[in-house]
Structures are given as structure tokens and as C-alpha cells.
PDB file of N, CA and C in Angstrom:
ATOM      1  N   MET A   1       0.803  -1.360   0.163  1.00  0.00           N
ATOM      2  CA  MET A   1       0.142   0.056   0.130  1.00  0.00           C
ATOM      3  C   MET A   1       0.855   1.477   0.098  1.00  0.00           C
ATOM      4  N   VAL A   2       0.738   2.211  -0.757  1.00  0.00           N
ATOM      5  CA  VAL A   2       1.031   3.571  -1.145  1.00  0.00           C
ATOM      6  C   VAL A   2       0.372   4.587  -0.550  1.00  0.00           C
ATOM      7  N   THR A   3       0.772   5.301   0.661  1.00  0.00           N
ATOM      8  CA  THR A   3       0.074   6.687   1.020  1.00  0.00           C
ATOM      9  C   THR A   3       0.081   7.714   0.086  1.00  0.00           C
ATOM     10  N   GLU A   4      -0.633   8.838   0.402  1.00  0.00           N
ATOM     11  CA  GLU A   4      -0.566  10.126  -0.598  1.00  0.00           C
ATOM     12  C   GLU A   4       1.088  10.471  -0.703  1.00  0.00           C
ATOM     13  N   ASP A   5       1.673  10.497   0.495  1.00  0.00           N
ATOM     14  CA  ASP A   5       3.001  10.958   0.691  1.00  0.00           C
ATOM     15  C   ASP A   5       4.104  10.111  -0.240  1.00  0.00           C
ATOM     16  N   GLY A   6       3.260   9.094  -0.420  1.00  0.00           N
ATOM     17  CA  GLY A   6       4.632   8.016  -1.276  1.00  0.00           C
ATOM     18  C   GLY A   6       5.161   7.076  -0.366  1.00  0.00           C
ATOM     19  N   CYS A   7       4.886   7.021   0.999  1.00  0.00           N
ATOM     20  CA  CYS A   7       5.177   6.101   1.779  1.00  0.00           C
ATOM     21  C   CYS A   7       4.536   4.572   1.471  1.00  0.00           C
ATOM     22  N   GLU A   8       5.292   3.627   1.627  1.00  0.00           N
ATOM     23  CA  GLU A   8       4.807   2.426   1.301  1.00  0.00           C
ATOM     24  C   GLU A   8       4.962   1.470   2.765  1.00  0.00           C
ATOM     25  N   PHE A   9       3.675   0.291   2.761  1.00  0.00           N
ATOM     26  CA  PHE A   9       3.651  -0.344   3.913  1.00  0.00           C
ATOM     27  C   PHE A   9       3.474  -1.517   3.370  1.00  0.00           C
ATOM     28  N   PHE A  10       4.101  -2.600   4.232  1.00  0.00           N
ATOM     29  CA  PHE A  10       4.092  -3.968   3.721  1.00  0.00           C
ATOM     30  C   PHE A  10       3.660  -4.669   5.009  1.00  0.00           C
ATOM     31  N   THR A  11       2.800  -5.782   4.516  1.00  0.00           N
ATOM     32  CA  THR A  11       2.156  -6.652   5.510  1.00  0.00           C
ATOM     33  C   THR A  11       2.047  -8.010   4.847  1.00  0.00           C
ATOM     34  N   SER A  12       1.988  -9.028   5.705  1.00  0.00           N
ATOM     35  CA  SER A  12       1.822 -10.638   5.366  1.00  0.00           C
ATOM     36  C   SER A  12       0.293 -10.922   6.166  1.00  0.00           C
ATOM     37  N   PHE A  13      -0.341 -11.675   5.281  1.00  0.00           N
ATOM     38  CA  PHE A  13      -1.457 -12.212   5.865  1.00  0.00           C
ATOM     39  C   PHE A  13      -1.691 -13.630   5.196  1.00  0.00           C
ATOM     40  N   ARG A  14      -2.651 -14.139   5.983  1.00  0.00           N
ATOM     41  CA  ARG A  14      -3.132 -15.458   5.588  1.00  0.00           C
ATOM     42  C   ARG A  14      -4.696 -15.439   5.092  1.00  0.00           C
ATOM     43  N   THR A  15      -5.098 -16.234   4.216  1.00  0.00           N
ATOM     44  CA  THR A  15      -6.528 -16.299   4.138  1.00  0.00           C
ATOM     45  C   THR A  15      -7.037 -17.703   3.871  1.00  0.00           C
ATOM     46  N   PHE A  16      -8.061 -17.668   4.029  1.00  0.00           N
ATOM     47  CA  PHE A  16      -8.854 -19.251   3.679  1.00  0.00           C
ATOM     48  C   PHE A  16     -10.312 -19.066   3.429  1.00  0.00           C
ATOM     49  N   ASP A  17     -10.827 -19.758   2.572  1.00  0.00           N
ATOM     50  CA  ASP A  17     -12.150 -19.863   1.848  1.00  0.00           C
ATOM     51  C   ASP A  17     -13.182 -20.336   2.907  1.00  0.00           C
ATOM     52  N   ALA A  18     -13.906 -19.264   3.873  1.00  0.00           N
ATOM     53  CA  ALA A  18     -15.075 -19.367   4.543  1.00  0.00           C
ATOM     54  C   ALA A  18     -16.002 -20.140   4.054  1.00  0.00           C
ATOM     55  N   CYS A  19     -16.462 -20.263   2.782  1.00  0.00           N
ATOM     56  CA  CYS A  19     -17.530 -20.643   2.418  1.00  0.00           C
ATOM     57  C   CYS A  19     -17.359 -22.357   1.934  1.00  0.00           C
ATOM     58  N   SER A  20     -15.906 -22.795   1.940  1.00  0.00           N
ATOM     59  CA  SER A  20     -15.922 -23.957   1.704  1.00  0.00           C
ATOM     60  C   SER A  20     -15.302 -24.777   2.687  1.00  0.00           C
ATOM     61  N   PHE A  21     -15.828 -25.934   3.279  1.00  0.00           N
ATOM     62  CA  PHE A  21     -15.709 -26.551   4.452  1.00  0.00           C
ATOM     63  C   PHE A  21     -15.273 -28.123   4.078  1.00  0.00           C
ATOM     64  N   GLN A  22     -14.035 -28.359   4.645  1.00  0.00           N
ATOM     65  CA  GLN A  22     -13.478 -29.835   3.938  1.00  0.00           C
ATOM     66  C   GLN A  22     -13.714 -30.334   5.445  1.00  0.00           C
ATOM     67  N   TYR A  23     -13.807 -31.734   5.299  1.00  0.00           N
ATOM     68  CA  TYR A  23     -13.754 -32.418   6.481  1.00  0.00           C
ATOM     69  C   TYR A  23     -13.392 -34.026   6.496  1.00  0.00           C
ATOM     70  N   VAL A  24     -12.964 -34.821   6.996  1.00  0.00           N
ATOM     71  CA  VAL A  24     -12.825 -36.163   7.126  1.00  0.00           C
ATOM     72  C   VAL A  24     -13.107 -36.720   8.387  1.00  0.00           C
ATOM     73  N   PHE A  25     -13.874 -38.042   7.913  1.00  0.00           N
ATOM     74  CA  PHE A  25     -14.347 -38.841   9.238  1.00  0.00           C
ATOM     75  C   PHE A  25     -14.112 -40.070   8.500  1.00  0.00           C
ATOM     76  N   PRO A  26     -14.185 -41.397   9.247  1.00  0.00           N
ATOM     77  CA  PRO A  26     -14.559 -42.532   8.805  1.00  0.00           C
ATOM     78  C   PRO A  26     -15.595 -43.224   8.671  1.00  0.00           C
ATOM     79  N   ASN A  27     -15.808 -43.913   7.652  1.00  0.00           N
ATOM     80  CA  ASN A  27     -17.179 -44.544   7.330  1.00  0.00           C
ATOM     81  C   ASN A  27     -17.250 -45.954   7.980  1.00  0.00           C
ATOM     82  N   ALA A  28     -16.340 -46.303   8.570  1.00  0.00           N
ATOM     83  CA  ALA A  28     -16.050 -47.676   9.334  1.00  0.00           C
ATOM     84  C   ALA A  28     -15.272 -47.761  10.390  1.00  0.00           C
ATOM     85  N   MET A  29     -15.350 -48.213  11.388  1.00  0.00           N
ATOM     86  CA  MET A  29     -14.796 -48.554  12.877  1.00  0.00           C
ATOM     87  C   MET A  29     -14.446 -49.769  13.297  1.00  0.00           C
ATOM     88  N   ILE A  30     -13.551 -50.312  13.879  1.00  0.00           N
ATOM     89  CA  ILE A  30     -13.474 -51.564  14.653  1.00  0.00           C
ATOM     90  C   ILE A  30     -13.535 -51.477  15.944  1.00  0.00           C
ATOM     91  N   LEU A  31     -14.582 -51.960  16.949  1.00  0.00           N
ATOM     92  CA  LEU A  31     -14.725 -51.582  18.166  1.00  0.00           C
ATOM     93  C   LEU A  31     -13.287 -52.430  18.803  1.00  0.00           C
ATOM     94  N   GLY A  32     -12.812 -51.616  19.939  1.00  0.00           N
ATOM     95  CA  GLY A  32     -11.947 -52.360  20.616  1.00  0.00           C
ATOM     96  C   GLY A  32     -10.433 -52.040  20.179  1.00  0.00           C
ATOM     97  N   ASP A  33     -10.569 -51.190  18.796  1.00  0.00           N
ATOM     98  CA  ASP A  33      -8.965 -51.051  18.038  1.00  0.00           C
ATOM     99  C   ASP A  33      -8.749 -49.790  18.185  1.00  0.00           C
ATOM    100  N   PRO A  34      -8.088 -49.408  19.029  1.00  0.00           N
ATOM    101  CA  PRO A  34      -7.428 -47.761  19.189  1.00  0.00           C
ATOM    102  C   PRO A  34      -7.005 -47.175  17.961  1.00  0.00           C
ATOM    103  N   GLU A  35      -6.535 -48.102  16.730  1.00  0.00           N
ATOM    104  CA  GLU A  35      -6.125 -46.933  15.797  1.00  0.00           C
ATOM    105  C   GLU A  35      -7.273 -47.178  14.599  1.00  0.00           C
ATOM    106  N   ARG A  36      -8.534 -47.692  15.185  1.00  0.00           N
ATOM    107  CA  ARG A  36      -9.678 -47.455  14.198  1.00  0.00           C
ATOM    108  C   ARG A  36     -10.934 -47.139  14.704  1.00  0.00           C
ATOM    109  N   ASN A  37     -10.562 -45.872  15.680  1.00  0.00           N
ATOM    110  CA  ASN A  37     -11.747 -45.265  16.486  1.00  0.00           C
ATOM    111  C   ASN A  37     -12.069 -44.374  15.324  1.00  0.00           C
ATOM    112  N   PHE A  38     -13.541 -43.575  15.749  1.00  0.00           N
ATOM    113  CA  PHE A  38     -14.010 -42.474  15.175  1.00  0.00           C
ATOM    114  C   PHE A  38     -13.318 -41.333  15.373  1.00  0.00           C
ATOM    115  N   GLU A  39     -13.011 -40.368  14.451  1.00  0.00           N
ATOM    116  CA  GLU A  39     -12.404 -39.144  14.724  1.00  0.00           C
ATOM    117  C   GLU A  39     -12.525 -37.948  13.163  1.00  0.00           C
ATOM    118  N   VAL A  40     -12.690 -37.180  13.865  1.00  0.00           N
ATOM    119  CA  VAL A  40     -12.950 -35.888  12.679  1.00  0.00           C
ATOM    120  C   VAL A  40     -11.578 -35.089  12.396  1.00  0.00           C
ATOM    121  N   ILE A  41     -11.638 -34.495  11.504  1.00  0.00           N
ATOM    122  CA  ILE A  41     -10.434 -33.815  10.904  1.00  0.00           C
ATOM    123  C   ILE A  41     -11.162 -32.656  10.159  1.00  0.00           C
ATOM    124  N   VAL A  42     -11.492 -31.069  10.412  1.00  0.00           N
ATOM    125  CA  VAL A  42     -12.066 -30.525   9.494  1.00  0.00           C
ATOM    126  C   VAL A  42     -10.896 -29.424   9.218  1.00  0.00           C
ATOM    127  N   SER A  43     -11.328 -28.629   8.020  1.00  0.00           N
ATOM    128  CA  SER A  43     -10.623 -27.460   7.334  1.00  0.00           C
ATOM    129  C   SER A  43     -10.269 -26.318   8.356  1.00  0.00           C
ATOM    130  N   GLU A  44      -9.156 -25.529   8.153  1.00  0.00           N
ATOM    131  CA  GLU A  44      -8.917 -24.040   8.657  1.00  0.00           C
ATOM    132  C   GLU A  44     -10.530 -23.420   8.561  1.00  0.00           C
ATOM    133  N   GLY A  45     -10.683 -22.515   9.693  1.00  0.00           N
ATOM    134  CA  GLY A  45     -11.627 -21.762   9.439  1.00  0.00           C
ATOM    135  C   GLY A  45     -13.090 -21.835  10.023  1.00  0.00           C
ATOM    136  N   ILE A  46     -13.232 -23.211  10.268  1.00  0.00           N
ATOM    137  CA  ILE A  46     -14.379 -23.780  11.158  1.00  0.00           C
ATOM    138  C   ILE A  46     -14.083 -23.618  12.715  1.00  0.00           C
ATOM    139  N   THR A  47     -15.047 -23.014  13.303  1.00  0.00           N
ATOM    140  CA  THR A  47     -14.413 -22.610  14.450  1.00  0.00           C
ATOM    141  C   THR A  47     -15.137 -23.455  15.811  1.00  0.00           C
ATOM    142  N   SER A  48     -16.200 -24.153  15.413  1.00  0.00           N
ATOM    143  CA  SER A  48     -17.046 -25.289  16.069  1.00  0.00           C
ATOM    144  C   SER A  48     -17.636 -26.241  15.535  1.00  0.00           C
ATOM    145  N   VAL A  49     -17.708 -27.647  15.817  1.00  0.00           N
ATOM    146  CA  VAL A  49     -18.008 -28.466  15.366  1.00  0.00           C
ATOM    147  C   VAL A  49     -19.350 -29.623  16.426  1.00  0.00           C
ATOM    148  N   GLU A  50     -20.334 -30.002  16.161  1.00  0.00           N
ATOM    149  CA  GLU A  50     -21.169 -30.599  16.605  1.00  0.00           C
ATOM    150  C   GLU A  50     -21.150 -32.143  15.943  1.00  0.00           C
ATOM    151  N   LEU A  51     -21.370 -33.065  16.765  1.00  0.00           N
ATOM    152  CA  LEU A  51     -21.256 -34.666  16.064  1.00  0.00           C
ATOM    153  C   LEU A  51     -22.659 -35.351  16.697  1.00  0.00           C
ATOM    154  N   PHE A  52     -23.207 -35.800  15.750  1.00  0.00           N
ATOM    155  CA  PHE A  52     -24.486 -36.525  16.578  1.00  0.00           C
ATOM    156  C   PHE A  52     -24.218 -37.883  15.803  1.00  0.00           C
ATOM    157  N   ILE A  53     -24.202 -38.973  16.648  1.00  0.00           N
ATOM    158  CA  ILE A  53     -24.366 -40.363  16.109  1.00  0.00           C
ATOM    159  C   ILE A  53     -25.751 -41.115  16.669  1.00  0.00           C
ATOM    160  N   LEU A  54     -26.408 -41.630  15.521  1.00  0.00           N
ATOM    161  CA  LEU A  54     -27.669 -41.991  15.835  1.00  0.00           C
ATOM    162  C   LEU A  54     -27.970 -43.520  15.100  1.00  0.00           C
ATOM    163  N   THR A  55     -28.852 -44.087  15.741  1.00  0.00           N
ATOM    164  CA  THR A  55     -28.985 -45.376  15.172  1.00  0.00           C
ATOM    165  C   THR A  55     -29.906 -45.435  13.945  1.00  0.00           C
ATOM    166  N   ARG A  56     -30.356 -46.387  13.348  1.00  0.00           N
ATOM    167  CA  ARG A  56     -30.982 -46.041  12.176  1.00  0.00           C
ATOM    168  C   ARG A  56     -32.753 -45.843  11.973  1.00  0.00           C
ATOM    169  N   GLN A  57     -32.895 -46.276  13.236  1.00  0.00           N
ATOM    170  CA  GLN A  57     -34.145 -45.578  13.668  1.00  0.00           C
ATOM    171  C   GLN A  57     -34.448 -44.134  14.290  1.00  0.00           C
ATOM    172  N   GLY A  58     -32.917 -43.403  14.349  1.00  0.00           N
ATOM    173  CA  GLY A  58     -33.271 -42.193  14.989  1.00  0.00           C
ATOM    174  C   GLY A  58     -33.023 -41.832  16.355  1.00  0.00           C
ATOM    175  N   SER A  59     -32.446 -42.772  17.127  1.00  0.00           N
ATOM    176  CA  SER A  59     -32.066 -42.600  18.743  1.00  0.00           C
ATOM    177  C   SER A  59     -30.844 -42.134  18.602  1.00  0.00           C
ATOM    178  N   LEU A  60     -30.675 -40.956  19.216  1.00  0.00           N
ATOM    179  CA  LEU A  60     -29.296 -40.642  19.530  1.00  0.00           C
ATOM    180  C   LEU A  60     -28.513 -41.453  20.435  1.00  0.00           C
ATOM    181  N   ILE A  61     -27.046 -42.049  20.087  1.00  0.00           N
ATOM    182  CA  ILE A  61     -26.347 -42.752  21.072  1.00  0.00           C
ATOM    183  C   ILE A  61     -25.124 -42.086  21.450  1.00  0.00           C
ATOM    184  N   HIS A  62     -24.774 -41.019  20.285  1.00  0.00           N
ATOM    185  CA  HIS A  62     -23.582 -40.258  20.741  1.00  0.00           C
ATOM    186  C   HIS A  62     -23.728 -38.672  20.306  1.00  0.00           C
ATOM    187  N   PHE A  63     -23.107 -38.024  21.317  1.00  0.00           N
ATOM    188  CA  PHE A  63     -23.171 -36.375  21.050  1.00  0.00           C
ATOM    189  C   PHE A  63     -21.849 -35.808  21.636  1.00  0.00           C
ATOM    190  N   ASP A  64     -21.302 -35.222  20.906  1.00  0.00           N
ATOM    191  CA  ASP A  64     -19.856 -34.289  20.949  1.00  0.00           C
ATOM    192  C   ASP A  64     -19.968 -33.231  20.402  1.00  0.00           C
ATOM    193  N   LYS A  65     -19.307 -32.085  21.139  1.00  0.00           N
ATOM    194  CA  LYS A  65     -19.117 -30.857  20.374  1.00  0.00           C
ATOM    195  C   LYS A  65     -17.993 -30.322  20.788  1.00  0.00           C
ATOM    196  N   THR A  66     -17.378 -29.525  20.082  1.00  0.00           N
ATOM    197  CA  THR A  66     -15.851 -28.915  20.311  1.00  0.00           C
ATOM    198  C   THR A  66     -15.915 -27.307  19.806  1.00  0.00           C
ATOM    199  N   ASP A  67     -15.602 -26.288  20.575  1.00  0.00           N
ATOM    200  CA  ASP A  67     -14.907 -25.081  20.199  1.00  0.00           C
ATOM    201  C   ASP A  67     -13.797 -24.784  20.048  1.00  0.00           C
ATOM    202  N   GLU A  68     -12.766 -25.964  20.189  1.00  0.00           N
ATOM    203  CA  GLU A  68     -11.538 -25.821  20.537  1.00  0.00           C
ATOM    204  C   GLU A  68     -10.849 -27.007  19.434  1.00  0.00           C
ATOM    205  N   ILE A  69     -10.657 -26.099  18.233  1.00  0.00           N
ATOM    206  CA  ILE A  69     -10.230 -27.052  17.037  1.00  0.00           C
ATOM    207  C   ILE A  69      -8.738 -26.433  16.534  1.00  0.00           C
ATOM    208  N   VAL A  70      -7.718 -27.546  16.347  1.00  0.00           N
ATOM    209  CA  VAL A  70      -6.475 -27.454  15.845  1.00  0.00           C
ATOM    210  C   VAL A  70      -6.370 -27.668  14.373  1.00  0.00           C
ATOM    211  N   PHE A  71      -6.240 -26.887  13.478  1.00  0.00           N
ATOM    212  CA  PHE A  71      -6.323 -27.241  12.366  1.00  0.00           C
ATOM    213  C   PHE A  71      -5.348 -28.584  11.952  1.00  0.00           C
ATOM    214  N   GLY A  72      -5.891 -29.405  11.308  1.00  0.00           N
ATOM    215  CA  GLY A  72      -5.354 -30.882  10.707  1.00  0.00           C
ATOM    216  C   GLY A  72      -5.228 -31.569  12.078  1.00  0.00           C
ATOM    217  N   GLU A  73      -5.536 -31.481  13.094  1.00  0.00           N
ATOM    218  CA  GLU A  73      -5.442 -32.541  14.034  1.00  0.00           C
ATOM    219  C   GLU A  73      -6.880 -32.776  14.522  1.00  0.00           C
ATOM    220  N   PRO A  74      -6.899 -34.417  14.972  1.00  0.00           N
ATOM    221  CA  PRO A  74      -8.051 -34.946  15.198  1.00  0.00           C
ATOM    222  C   PRO A  74      -9.085 -34.373  16.582  1.00  0.00           C
ATOM    223  N   ILE A  75     -10.262 -34.445  15.970  1.00  0.00           N
ATOM    224  CA  ILE A  75     -11.140 -33.708  17.164  1.00  0.00           C
ATOM    225  C   ILE A  75     -12.135 -34.883  17.345  1.00  0.00           C
ATOM    226  N   LEU A  76     -13.098 -34.784  18.345  1.00  0.00           N
ATOM    227  CA  LEU A  76     -14.226 -35.385  18.289  1.00  0.00           C
ATOM    228  C   LEU A  76     -13.960 -36.954  18.190  1.00  0.00           C
ATOM    229  N   LEU A  77     -13.179 -37.575  19.099  1.00  0.00           N
ATOM    230  CA  LEU A  77     -12.738 -39.234  19.223  1.00  0.00           C
ATOM    231  C   LEU A  77     -13.631 -39.784  19.962  1.00  0.00           C
ATOM    232  N   TRP A  78     -14.288 -40.885  19.481  1.00  0.00           N
ATOM    233  CA  TRP A  78     -14.876 -41.896  20.222  1.00  0.00           C
ATOM    234  C   TRP A  78     -14.555 -43.295  19.830  1.00  0.00           C
ATOM    235  N   ASP A  79     -14.684 -44.047  20.763  1.00  0.00           N
ATOM    236  CA  ASP A  79     -14.165 -45.388  20.632  1.00  0.00           C
ATOM    237  C   ASP A  79     -15.393 -46.381  20.568  1.00  0.00           C
ATOM    238  N   GLY A  80     -16.637 -45.862  20.490  1.00  0.00           N
ATOM    239  CA  GLY A  80     -17.595 -46.944  20.054  1.00  0.00           C
ATOM    240  C   GLY A  80     -18.233 -47.521  21.075  1.00  0.00           C
ATOM    241  N   THR A  81     -18.437 -46.663  22.389  1.00  0.00           N
ATOM    242  CA  THR A  81     -19.026 -47.399  23.602  1.00  0.00           C
ATOM    243  C   THR A  81     -19.860 -46.035  24.128  1.00  0.00           C
ATOM    244  N   ILE A  82     -20.479 -46.552  25.214  1.00  0.00           N
ATOM    245  CA  ILE A  82     -21.698 -45.943  25.678  1.00  0.00           C
ATOM    246  C   ILE A  82     -21.612 -46.353  27.018  1.00  0.00           C
ATOM    247  N   SER A  83     -20.987 -45.405  27.949  1.00  0.00           N
ATOM    248  CA  SER A  83     -21.051 -45.575  29.317  1.00  0.00           C
ATOM    249  C   SER A  83     -19.894 -46.808  29.743  1.00  0.00           C
ATOM    250  N   GLY A  84     -18.980 -47.171  28.669  1.00  0.00           N
ATOM    251  CA  GLY A  84     -18.030 -47.914  29.088  1.00  0.00           C
ATOM    252  C   GLY A  84     -18.841 -49.369  27.959  1.00  0.00           C
ATOM    253  N   THR A  85     -19.694 -49.417  27.418  1.00  0.00           N
ATOM    254  CA  THR A  85     -19.881 -50.544  27.113  1.00  0.00           C
ATOM    255  C   THR A  85     -20.315 -50.479  25.496  1.00  0.00           C
ATOM    256  N   SER A  86     -19.428 -51.200  24.652  1.00  0.00           N
ATOM    257  CA  SER A  86     -19.482 -51.303  23.209  1.00  0.00           C
ATOM    258  C   SER A  86     -21.091 -51.497  22.827  1.00  0.00           C
ATOM    259  N   ILE A  87     -20.916 -50.317  21.635  1.00  0.00           N
ATOM    260  CA  ILE A  87     -22.489 -50.295  20.841  1.00  0.00           C
ATOM    261  C   ILE A  87     -22.365 -51.655  19.950  1.00  0.00           C
ATOM    262  N   PRO A  88     -23.740 -52.068  19.825  1.00  0.00           N
ATOM    263  CA  PRO A  88     -23.833 -53.187  18.997  1.00  0.00           C
ATOM    264  C   PRO A  88     -23.511 -53.190  17.392  1.00  0.00           C
ATOM    265  N   THR A  89     -22.898 -54.109  16.744  1.00  0.00           N
ATOM    266  CA  THR A  89     -22.183 -54.065  15.417  1.00  0.00           C
ATOM    267  C   THR A  89     -23.379 -53.304  14.322  1.00  0.00           C
ATOM    268  N   GLY A  90     -23.000 -52.676  13.492  1.00  0.00           N
ATOM    269  CA  GLY A  90     -24.083 -52.467  12.680  1.00  0.00           C
ATOM    270  C   GLY A  90     -23.701 -51.126  11.923  1.00  0.00           C
ATOM    271  N   THR A  91     -24.972 -50.459  11.221  1.00  0.00           N
ATOM    272  CA  THR A  91     -24.713 -49.045  10.457  1.00  0.00           C
ATOM    273  C   THR A  91     -25.329 -47.955  11.125  1.00  0.00           C
ATOM    274  N   TYR A  92     -24.805 -46.779  11.531  1.00  0.00           N
ATOM    275  CA  TYR A  92     -25.367 -46.009  12.364  1.00  0.00           C
ATOM    276  C   TYR A  92     -25.315 -44.578  11.537  1.00  0.00           C
ATOM    277  N   VAL A  93     -25.989 -43.712  11.793  1.00  0.00           N
ATOM    278  CA  VAL A  93     -25.998 -42.548  11.196  1.00  0.00           C
ATOM    279  C   VAL A  93     -24.874 -41.374  11.762  1.00  0.00           C
ATOM    280  N   VAL A  94     -24.515 -40.588  11.042  1.00  0.00           N
ATOM    281  CA  VAL A  94     -23.461 -39.682  11.587  1.00  0.00           C
ATOM    282  C   VAL A  94     -23.793 -38.301  10.894  1.00  0.00           C
ATOM    283  N   VAL A  95     -24.143 -37.368  11.969  1.00  0.00           N
ATOM    284  CA  VAL A  95     -24.619 -35.734  11.302  1.00  0.00           C
ATOM    285  C   VAL A  95     -23.400 -34.805  12.258  1.00  0.00           C
ATOM    286  N   MET A  96     -23.020 -34.319  11.181  1.00  0.00           N
ATOM    287  CA  MET A  96     -21.959 -33.355  11.730  1.00  0.00           C
ATOM    288  C   MET A  96     -22.156 -32.128  11.197  1.00  0.00           C
ATOM    289  N   ILE A  97     -22.020 -31.073  12.356  1.00  0.00           N
ATOM    290  CA  ILE A  97     -22.246 -29.705  11.606  1.00  0.00           C
ATOM    291  C   ILE A  97     -21.211 -28.657  12.115  1.00  0.00           C
ATOM    292  N   GLY A  98     -20.513 -28.103  11.051  1.00  0.00           N
ATOM    293  CA  GLY A  98     -19.474 -27.301  11.396  1.00  0.00           C
ATOM    294  C   GLY A  98     -19.757 -25.942  10.822  1.00  0.00           C
ATOM    295  N   LYS A  99     -19.333 -24.689  12.142  1.00  0.00           N
ATOM    296  CA  LYS A  99     -19.725 -23.525  12.013  1.00  0.00           C
ATOM    297  C   LYS A  99     -18.617 -22.619  12.111  1.00  0.00           C
ATOM    298  N   ASN A 100     -18.896 -21.323  11.794  1.00  0.00           N
ATOM    299  CA  ASN A 100     -18.060 -20.155  12.124  1.00  0.00           C
ATOM    300  C   ASN A 100     -19.237 -19.043  11.772  1.00  0.00           C
ATOM    301  N   PRO A 101     -19.289 -18.501  13.375  1.00  0.00           N
ATOM    302  CA  PRO A 101     -20.340 -17.595  13.314  1.00  0.00           C
ATOM    303  C   PRO A 101     -20.108 -16.372  12.993  1.00  0.00           C
ATOM    304  N   LEU A 102     -18.620 -16.179  12.833  1.00  0.00           N
ATOM    305  CA  LEU A 102     -18.066 -14.703  12.629  1.00  0.00           C
ATOM    306  C   LEU A 102     -18.274 -14.352  10.828  1.00  0.00           C
ATOM    307  N   TYR A 103     -18.407 -15.466  10.159  1.00  0.00           N
ATOM    308  CA  TYR A 103     -18.745 -15.419   8.758  1.00  0.00           C
ATOM    309  C   TYR A 103     -20.070 -16.082   8.522  1.00  0.00           C
ATOM    310  N   GLN A 104     -21.028 -16.123   9.495  1.00  0.00           N
ATOM    311  CA  GLN A 104     -22.566 -16.672   9.394  1.00  0.00           C
ATOM    312  C   GLN A 104     -22.308 -17.930   8.464  1.00  0.00           C
ATOM    313  N   PHE A 105     -21.527 -18.896   8.644  1.00  0.00           N
ATOM    314  CA  PHE A 105     -21.292 -20.088   7.983  1.00  0.00           C
ATOM    315  C   PHE A 105     -21.713 -20.951   8.960  1.00  0.00           C
ATOM    316  N   GLU A 106     -22.414 -22.244   8.311  1.00  0.00           N
ATOM    317  CA  GLU A 106     -22.916 -23.331   9.074  1.00  0.00           C
ATOM    318  C   GLU A 106     -22.978 -24.500   7.918  1.00  0.00           C
ATOM    319  N   LYS A 107     -22.527 -25.579   7.980  1.00  0.00           N
ATOM    320  CA  LYS A 107     -22.917 -26.613   6.942  1.00  0.00           C
ATOM    321  C   LYS A 107     -23.265 -27.988   7.645  1.00  0.00           C
ATOM    322  N   LYS A 108     -24.312 -28.484   7.465  1.00  0.00           N
ATOM    323  CA  LYS A 108     -24.611 -29.651   7.958  1.00  0.00           C
ATOM    324  C   LYS A 108     -24.049 -30.727   6.957  1.00  0.00           C
ATOM    325  N   ILE A 109     -23.370 -32.002   7.263  1.00  0.00           N
ATOM    326  CA  ILE A 109     -23.117 -33.055   6.935  1.00  0.00           C
ATOM    327  C   ILE A 109     -23.810 -34.236   7.170  1.00  0.00           C
ATOM    328  N   VAL A 110     -24.452 -35.187   6.535  1.00  0.00           N
ATOM    329  CA  VAL A 110     -24.710 -36.426   7.295  1.00  0.00           C
ATOM    330  C   VAL A 110     -24.125 -37.642   6.219  1.00  0.00           C
ATOM    331  N   GLY A 111     -23.801 -38.692   6.873  1.00  0.00           N
ATOM    332  CA  GLY A 111     -22.720 -39.827   6.534  1.00  0.00           C
ATOM    333  C   GLY A 111     -23.301 -41.212   7.122  1.00  0.00           C
ATOM    334  N   SER A 112     -22.803 -42.235   6.977  1.00  0.00           N
ATOM    335  CA  SER A 112     -23.150 -43.423   7.537  1.00  0.00           C
ATOM    336  C   SER A 112     -21.960 -44.209   8.130  1.00  0.00           C
ATOM    337  N   LEU A 113     -21.928 -44.724   9.252  1.00  0.00           N
ATOM    338  CA  LEU A 113     -20.742 -45.386   9.955  1.00  0.00           C
ATOM    339  C   LEU A 113     -21.109 -47.121  10.215  1.00  0.00           C
ATOM    340  N   LEU A 114     -20.242 -47.667   9.944  1.00  0.00           N
ATOM    341  CA  LEU A 114     -20.364 -49.322   9.964  1.00  0.00           C
ATOM    342  C   LEU A 114     -19.495 -49.553  11.167  1.00  0.00           C
ATOM    343  N   VAL A 115     -20.184 -50.285  12.213  1.00  0.00           N
ATOM    344  CA  VAL A 115     -19.421 -50.705  13.161  1.00  0.00           C
ATOM    345  C   VAL A 115     -19.017 -52.019  13.125  1.00  0.00           C
ATOM    346  N   LEU A 116     -17.952 -52.398  13.039  1.00  0.00           N
ATOM    347  CA  LEU A 116     -17.399 -53.695  13.370  1.00  0.00           C
ATOM    348  C   LEU A 116     -16.865 -54.204  14.570  1.00  0.00           C
ATOM    349  N   GLN A 117     -16.750 -55.585  14.724  1.00  0.00           N
ATOM    350  CA  GLN A 117     -16.683 -56.190  16.060  1.00  0.00           C
ATOM    351  C   GLN A 117     -15.141 -56.685  15.779  1.00  0.00           C
TER     352      GLN A 117
END
């Protein structure tokens, strides 16, 4: 930037696309295998994520939320248990909502999760 007096100012900054939400979560997990637990990774710019895991009949079996997101690090880790007891094997519904209120951004992702023993 150059002022009216001819002085130049330089700065650096980073940008991200607040309208493009990228995510990774598994579509299968193996109960009792810590290398194959459920976890979520989201793109930069997302400031909060809610996770709902439901049975195919619509009963909520797991909920988690985080506002502490480190870019590129796994969040919302889940081992497939409810109060220490493993859930039955089968297919479950995953609903994840990523948000950034500063940019009035909210996106809902729906997927499935196959749970194996």
C-alpha cells in the first residue's frame, strides 16, 4: 500500500475460504481397536463442530461438541462405547455440523458409519 505522501507499507496475511468446508471422518470403525476409532478432521476456518451419532431408527447414542479446533488435528474422538459398553455392530447415521459464526457459516454433513467387532 502506498500513502498520498509516497510511503509504502507492507504486511503479510493468510486467507482461507470461509465458504468451503472440508472434513474427514471414517465410514467404518472396529470396536476395541484404538487405531480404528472414530475421529474428525476439519479444514481451517471452522470454529465449532457438533457431532451426532444415531441409530438407523433415529435414537441418539452419542453427542459431542468442540469449540477448540487445531487445524489438521483429530477432534471428536469416540471409541464406540456408551458408558463403557460397546455399541452393537451395525450401521449408524453420522450428522456433523461445522460452524463459523463470524462469517455466518454453518454446514450440515450426513453420512453413515459401519461398526464392526
